[in-house]
Protein backbone atom coordinates (compact mmCIF):
# COMPACT_ATOMS: atom_id res chain seq x y z
CA MET A 1 30.54 -80.20 -130.55
CA LEU A 2 31.94 -78.01 -132.90
CA ILE A 3 31.96 -75.16 -130.25
CA GLU A 4 34.29 -77.23 -127.54
CA LEU A 5 36.74 -78.10 -130.52
CA LEU A 6 37.28 -74.20 -130.95
CA ALA A 7 37.42 -74.22 -127.56
CA ALA A 8 40.14 -76.37 -126.94
CA ALA A 9 42.15 -75.01 -130.18
CA GLY A 10 42.09 -71.62 -128.26
CA GLU A 11 43.27 -73.09 -125.31
CA ALA A 12 45.98 -75.22 -126.80
CA ALA A 13 47.27 -71.80 -129.05
CA PRO A 14 50.65 -70.73 -127.89
CA GLN A 15 50.46 -67.16 -126.23
CA ASN A 16 53.09 -64.43 -127.35
CA SER A 17 55.16 -63.28 -124.54
CA PHE A 18 57.61 -61.23 -126.38
CA GLY A 19 55.55 -57.75 -126.25
CA PHE A 20 57.38 -54.62 -124.88
CA MET A 21 55.90 -55.11 -121.19
CA GLU A 22 57.26 -58.53 -120.99
CA ALA A 23 60.99 -57.69 -122.50
CA MET A 24 60.75 -55.21 -119.79
CA ASN A 25 59.88 -57.29 -117.18
CA GLN A 26 62.33 -59.95 -117.97
CA GLY A 27 65.14 -57.02 -117.86
CA GLY A 28 63.91 -56.29 -114.15
CA VAL A 29 65.12 -53.25 -112.39
CA ILE A 30 67.75 -52.02 -114.43
CA ALA A 31 65.58 -52.20 -117.62
CA TRP A 32 63.04 -50.03 -116.19
CA SER A 33 65.71 -47.72 -114.24
CA ILE A 34 67.13 -47.13 -117.72
CA PHE A 35 63.72 -46.86 -119.41
CA GLY A 36 62.96 -43.81 -116.86
CA VAL A 37 65.91 -42.00 -117.27
CA LEU A 38 65.40 -42.03 -120.69
CA VAL A 39 61.56 -41.08 -120.23
CA ILE A 40 63.13 -38.14 -117.67
CA MET A 41 65.40 -36.81 -120.41
CA SER A 42 62.78 -36.73 -123.35
CA VAL A 43 59.88 -34.82 -120.93
CA GLY A 44 62.58 -32.24 -119.99
CA SER A 45 63.64 -31.81 -123.50
CA PHE A 46 60.16 -31.12 -124.58
CA TYR A 47 59.63 -28.82 -121.60
CA ILE A 48 62.63 -27.00 -122.44
CA LEU A 49 61.66 -26.85 -126.25
CA ILE A 50 57.77 -25.74 -125.16
CA THR A 51 58.71 -23.03 -122.77
CA LYS A 52 61.61 -21.58 -124.79
CA LEU A 53 59.57 -21.12 -127.89
CA LEU A 54 56.99 -19.14 -125.83
CA GLU A 55 60.01 -16.80 -124.76
CA GLN A 56 61.52 -16.30 -127.85
CA GLN A 57 57.95 -15.53 -129.55
CA LYS A 58 57.27 -13.19 -127.03
CA ILE A 59 60.56 -11.51 -127.33
CA PHE A 60 59.67 -11.59 -130.97
CA SER A 61 56.08 -9.77 -130.71
CA GLN A 62 57.88 -7.22 -128.29
CA TYR A 63 60.03 -6.04 -130.88
CA LYS A 64 57.28 -5.25 -133.22
CA ASP A 65 56.22 -2.53 -130.68
CA VAL A 66 59.60 -1.49 -130.16
CA ARG A 67 59.79 -0.36 -133.96
CA THR A 68 56.44 0.90 -134.35
CA HIS A 69 55.72 3.03 -130.90
CA PHE A 70 58.80 3.33 -128.93
CA TRP A 71 61.14 5.15 -131.37
CA LYS A 72 57.86 7.31 -132.01
CA ALA A 73 58.07 9.03 -128.73
CA GLY A 74 59.98 12.13 -127.36
CA THR A 75 62.41 10.85 -125.23
CA LEU A 76 63.78 7.37 -124.04
CA ARG A 77 61.64 7.54 -120.56
CA GLU A 78 58.49 8.35 -122.05
CA GLY A 79 59.39 5.05 -124.75
CA ALA A 80 60.17 2.83 -122.11
CA THR A 81 57.01 3.47 -120.73
CA LYS A 82 55.24 1.88 -123.74
CA LEU A 83 57.51 -1.35 -123.44
CA GLU A 84 56.27 -4.14 -121.52
CA LYS A 85 57.70 -4.33 -118.11
CA ASN A 86 60.43 -7.05 -117.50
CA SER A 87 60.89 -7.52 -121.24
CA ALA A 88 64.31 -7.64 -122.67
CA TRP A 89 64.05 -4.28 -124.45
CA ARG A 90 62.86 -2.46 -121.50
CA GLN A 91 65.88 -3.86 -119.82
CA LEU A 92 67.92 -2.49 -122.20
CA VAL A 93 66.36 1.12 -122.00
CA ASP A 94 66.38 1.17 -118.27
CA ASP A 95 70.20 0.09 -118.20
CA GLY A 96 70.99 2.55 -120.90
CA LEU A 97 69.49 5.46 -118.74
CA ALA A 98 70.94 4.28 -115.47
CA ALA A 99 74.37 4.31 -117.02
CA GLU A 100 73.83 7.40 -118.36
CA GLU A 101 72.89 9.09 -114.99
CA ALA A 102 75.70 7.22 -113.18
CA HIS A 103 78.20 9.02 -115.62
CA THR A 104 77.40 12.27 -114.28
CA LYS A 105 78.53 11.22 -111.14
CA MET A 106 81.94 10.06 -111.97
CA THR A 107 84.83 12.40 -111.07
CA ASP A 108 87.40 10.21 -113.45
CA SER A 109 88.18 10.87 -117.20
CA LEU A 110 86.17 7.97 -118.40
CA GLU A 111 84.32 8.30 -121.83
CA ALA A 112 80.46 8.53 -121.73
CA HIS A 113 80.44 6.45 -124.88
CA ASP A 114 82.74 3.76 -123.61
CA TRP A 115 80.96 3.64 -120.09
CA LEU A 116 77.33 3.22 -122.04
CA HIS A 117 78.79 0.75 -124.41
CA GLY A 118 80.07 -1.27 -121.73
CA SER A 119 76.67 -0.97 -119.35
CA LEU A 120 74.73 -2.11 -122.95
CA ALA A 121 76.99 -5.02 -123.61
CA ARG A 122 76.74 -6.03 -120.07
CA SER A 123 73.08 -5.89 -120.37
CA GLU A 124 73.04 -7.74 -123.56
CA ALA A 125 74.81 -10.57 -122.33
CA THR A 126 72.62 -10.72 -119.34
CA ILE A 127 69.69 -11.22 -121.56
CA ASN A 128 71.40 -13.86 -123.85
CA SER A 129 72.51 -16.16 -121.16
CA LYS A 130 69.08 -16.36 -119.82
CA LEU A 131 67.78 -17.30 -123.37
CA ALA A 132 70.61 -19.75 -123.37
CA GLY A 133 69.06 -21.20 -120.03
CA GLY A 134 68.40 -25.15 -120.61
CA LEU A 135 70.03 -25.56 -123.71
CA PRO A 136 73.04 -27.37 -122.58
CA PHE A 137 70.56 -29.62 -120.99
CA LEU A 138 69.35 -30.61 -124.70
CA ALA A 139 72.83 -30.71 -125.85
CA THR A 140 73.57 -33.02 -123.24
CA VAL A 141 70.50 -35.20 -123.64
CA GLY A 142 71.16 -35.44 -127.53
CA ALA A 143 74.82 -36.34 -127.14
CA THR A 144 73.86 -39.03 -124.23
CA ALA A 145 70.68 -40.43 -124.91
CA PRO A 146 71.81 -43.05 -127.61
CA PHE A 147 74.68 -44.40 -124.88
CA VAL A 148 71.99 -44.60 -122.26
CA GLY A 149 70.06 -46.57 -124.68
CA LEU A 150 73.16 -48.80 -125.61
CA LEU A 151 73.80 -49.43 -121.99
CA GLY A 152 70.50 -51.19 -121.87
CA THR A 153 71.00 -52.94 -125.19
CA VAL A 154 74.60 -54.46 -123.94
CA ILE A 155 72.85 -55.65 -120.66
CA GLY A 156 70.03 -57.06 -123.01
CA ILE A 157 72.49 -58.85 -125.07
CA TYR A 158 74.60 -60.25 -122.00
CA ARG A 159 71.23 -61.55 -120.70
CA ALA A 160 70.62 -63.40 -123.98
CA LEU A 161 73.94 -64.88 -124.09
CA ILE A 162 73.68 -66.11 -120.35
CA ASN A 163 70.21 -67.87 -121.16
CA ILE A 164 72.11 -69.55 -123.91
CA GLY A 165 74.54 -70.85 -121.85
CA ILE A 166 72.35 -71.97 -119.15
CA ALA A 167 70.27 -73.92 -122.01
CA GLY A 168 73.31 -75.13 -124.19
CA SER A 169 71.11 -74.01 -127.21
CA ALA A 170 70.47 -70.59 -129.18
CA SER A 171 66.54 -71.29 -129.02
CA ILE A 172 64.29 -68.39 -129.98
CA ASP A 173 62.35 -68.76 -126.57
CA LYS A 174 65.74 -68.26 -124.71
CA VAL A 175 67.22 -65.52 -126.44
CA ALA A 176 64.01 -63.32 -128.03
CA GLY A 177 63.05 -61.48 -124.69
CA PRO A 178 66.56 -60.21 -123.91
CA VAL A 179 67.18 -59.15 -127.50
CA GLY A 180 63.70 -57.45 -127.83
CA GLU A 181 64.64 -55.70 -124.85
CA ALA A 182 68.13 -54.70 -126.43
CA LEU A 183 66.38 -53.43 -129.79
CA ILE A 184 63.77 -51.30 -127.60
CA MET A 185 66.44 -49.73 -125.42
CA THR A 186 68.09 -48.55 -128.71
CA ALA A 187 64.95 -47.53 -130.27
CA ILE A 188 64.03 -45.25 -126.98
CA GLY A 189 67.60 -43.83 -127.25
CA LEU A 190 67.43 -42.79 -130.72
CA LEU A 191 63.88 -41.39 -130.20
CA VAL A 192 64.85 -39.21 -127.22
CA ALA A 193 68.12 -37.98 -129.03
CA VAL A 194 66.91 -36.90 -132.19
CA PRO A 195 63.96 -34.53 -130.98
CA ALA A 196 66.62 -33.12 -128.40
CA VAL A 197 69.08 -32.32 -131.19
CA LEU A 198 66.85 -30.95 -133.49
CA ALA A 199 65.49 -28.63 -131.04
CA TYR A 200 68.73 -27.43 -129.62
CA ASN A 201 69.85 -26.13 -133.29
CA TRP A 202 66.58 -24.67 -133.84
CA LEU A 203 66.62 -22.70 -130.46
CA GLN A 204 70.22 -21.71 -131.15
CA SER A 205 69.32 -20.14 -134.15
CA ARG A 206 66.76 -18.12 -133.06
CA ASN A 207 68.55 -16.92 -130.18
CA LYS A 208 71.13 -15.46 -132.76
CA ARG A 209 68.45 -14.00 -134.60
CA ILE A 210 67.14 -12.43 -131.00
CA ALA A 211 71.37 -11.55 -130.25
CA GLU A 212 71.34 -9.50 -133.56
CA LEU A 213 68.07 -7.64 -132.91
CA LEU A 214 69.49 -6.71 -129.70
CA SER A 215 72.61 -5.62 -130.62
CA GLY A 216 70.94 -3.29 -133.39
CA PHE A 217 68.56 -1.89 -130.84
CA SER A 218 71.69 -1.20 -128.26
CA THR A 219 73.49 0.77 -130.99
CA ASP A 220 70.58 2.72 -131.67
CA LEU A 221 70.13 3.54 -127.81
CA LEU A 222 73.48 4.40 -127.50
CA ALA A 223 73.60 7.11 -130.68
CA ASN A 224 70.40 8.57 -129.25
CA ILE A 225 71.72 8.73 -125.62
CA ASN A 226 75.32 10.44 -127.02
CA SER A 227 73.23 12.79 -129.20
CA LYS A 228 71.03 13.82 -126.67
CA GLY A 229 67.98 12.50 -128.71
CA ALA A 230 69.04 13.77 -131.98
CA VAL A 231 69.57 10.58 -133.64
CA LYS A 232 66.85 7.96 -134.03
CA PRO A 233 66.53 5.00 -136.45
CA THR A 234 64.23 5.41 -139.49
CA VAL A 235 60.89 3.46 -138.58
CA LEU A 236 59.32 2.37 -141.76
CA THR A 237 55.91 1.12 -141.27
CA LYS A 238 54.37 -1.56 -143.58
CA PRO A 239 52.16 0.70 -145.52
CA SER A 240 55.06 3.32 -146.28
CA THR A 241 57.21 1.08 -147.81
CA GLN A 242 54.45 -0.55 -150.05
CA GLN A 243 53.79 3.22 -151.33
CA ALA A 244 57.71 3.62 -151.55
CA GLY A 245 57.73 0.41 -154.03
CA LYS A 246 54.70 1.31 -155.66
CA ALA A 247 56.20 4.79 -156.33
CA ALA A 248 59.12 3.34 -157.78
CA ALA A 249 57.54 1.17 -160.03
CA THR A 250 55.21 3.86 -161.37
CA ALA A 251 57.57 6.53 -161.96
CA PRO A 252 59.13 7.40 -165.53
CA ALA A 253 62.81 6.28 -166.35
CA ALA A 254 65.14 8.89 -166.25
CA LYS A 255 66.79 9.27 -169.64
CA PRO A 256 71.03 8.84 -169.07
CA ALA A 257 73.08 12.50 -168.43
CA GLY A 258 74.33 13.83 -171.69
CA THR A 259 71.91 12.39 -173.98
CA THR A 260 69.82 14.05 -176.49
CA THR A 261 66.83 12.46 -178.86
CA THR A 262 67.17 13.12 -182.27
CA THR A 263 65.08 12.61 -185.33
CA ALA A 264 65.28 11.57 -188.71
CA PRO A 265 65.16 14.64 -191.24
CA LYS A 266 62.30 13.99 -193.34
CA ARG A 267 63.36 13.88 -197.12
């Protein structure tokens, strides 16, 4: 008898029909289309974030080889063999050597410095442009995703008002579904936009750091080529800098010039 009563009570209990799937199904094709667009934006943003991070990290790791191995070579061509092929640093070296060779074939009075500087600057611009690829998509997602979600919100509110007009009363069962759909779209739009904006700013800051390193390396290449290999940057390794710091810490303090040490006379 008790089991029958419990079964009857379970059948009579109201079912919750205001979940995510229910709200989306009530929205129909429009709601699912907007949701699909937001999902595509989110997947694209994370794909660009991961691929760009891997690309940037590879350039940073290659820069360590530039500082430790490249400038220790006798010539630029010899040092270029120690760099990875198709890397940004190898591209700068190859473009600089190609510009130096091309300048010897010119018949006008164009100075070698201007020609080499322009060639290396063009090579830097190509690398920076490649690093910036995909970032406009992140900026677009960060700027438009909230409005795409807002479109779903407007449609959900509009459907809620239609249900109120048809029913003649603002009962919760008539407006809960459309209003829930509206709130869900707003939340999804923000969840897509915020990571895209954060990723864009972070990748941009890392690209600026890479651009600084490329500019410095390009300047060192220009000086080395114009000086026929006589000018090279000072390569400091980690142990040497630590030893220099220890030497500076243990060295006795120098006395100021023009001062003498006097002692008081004994009485």
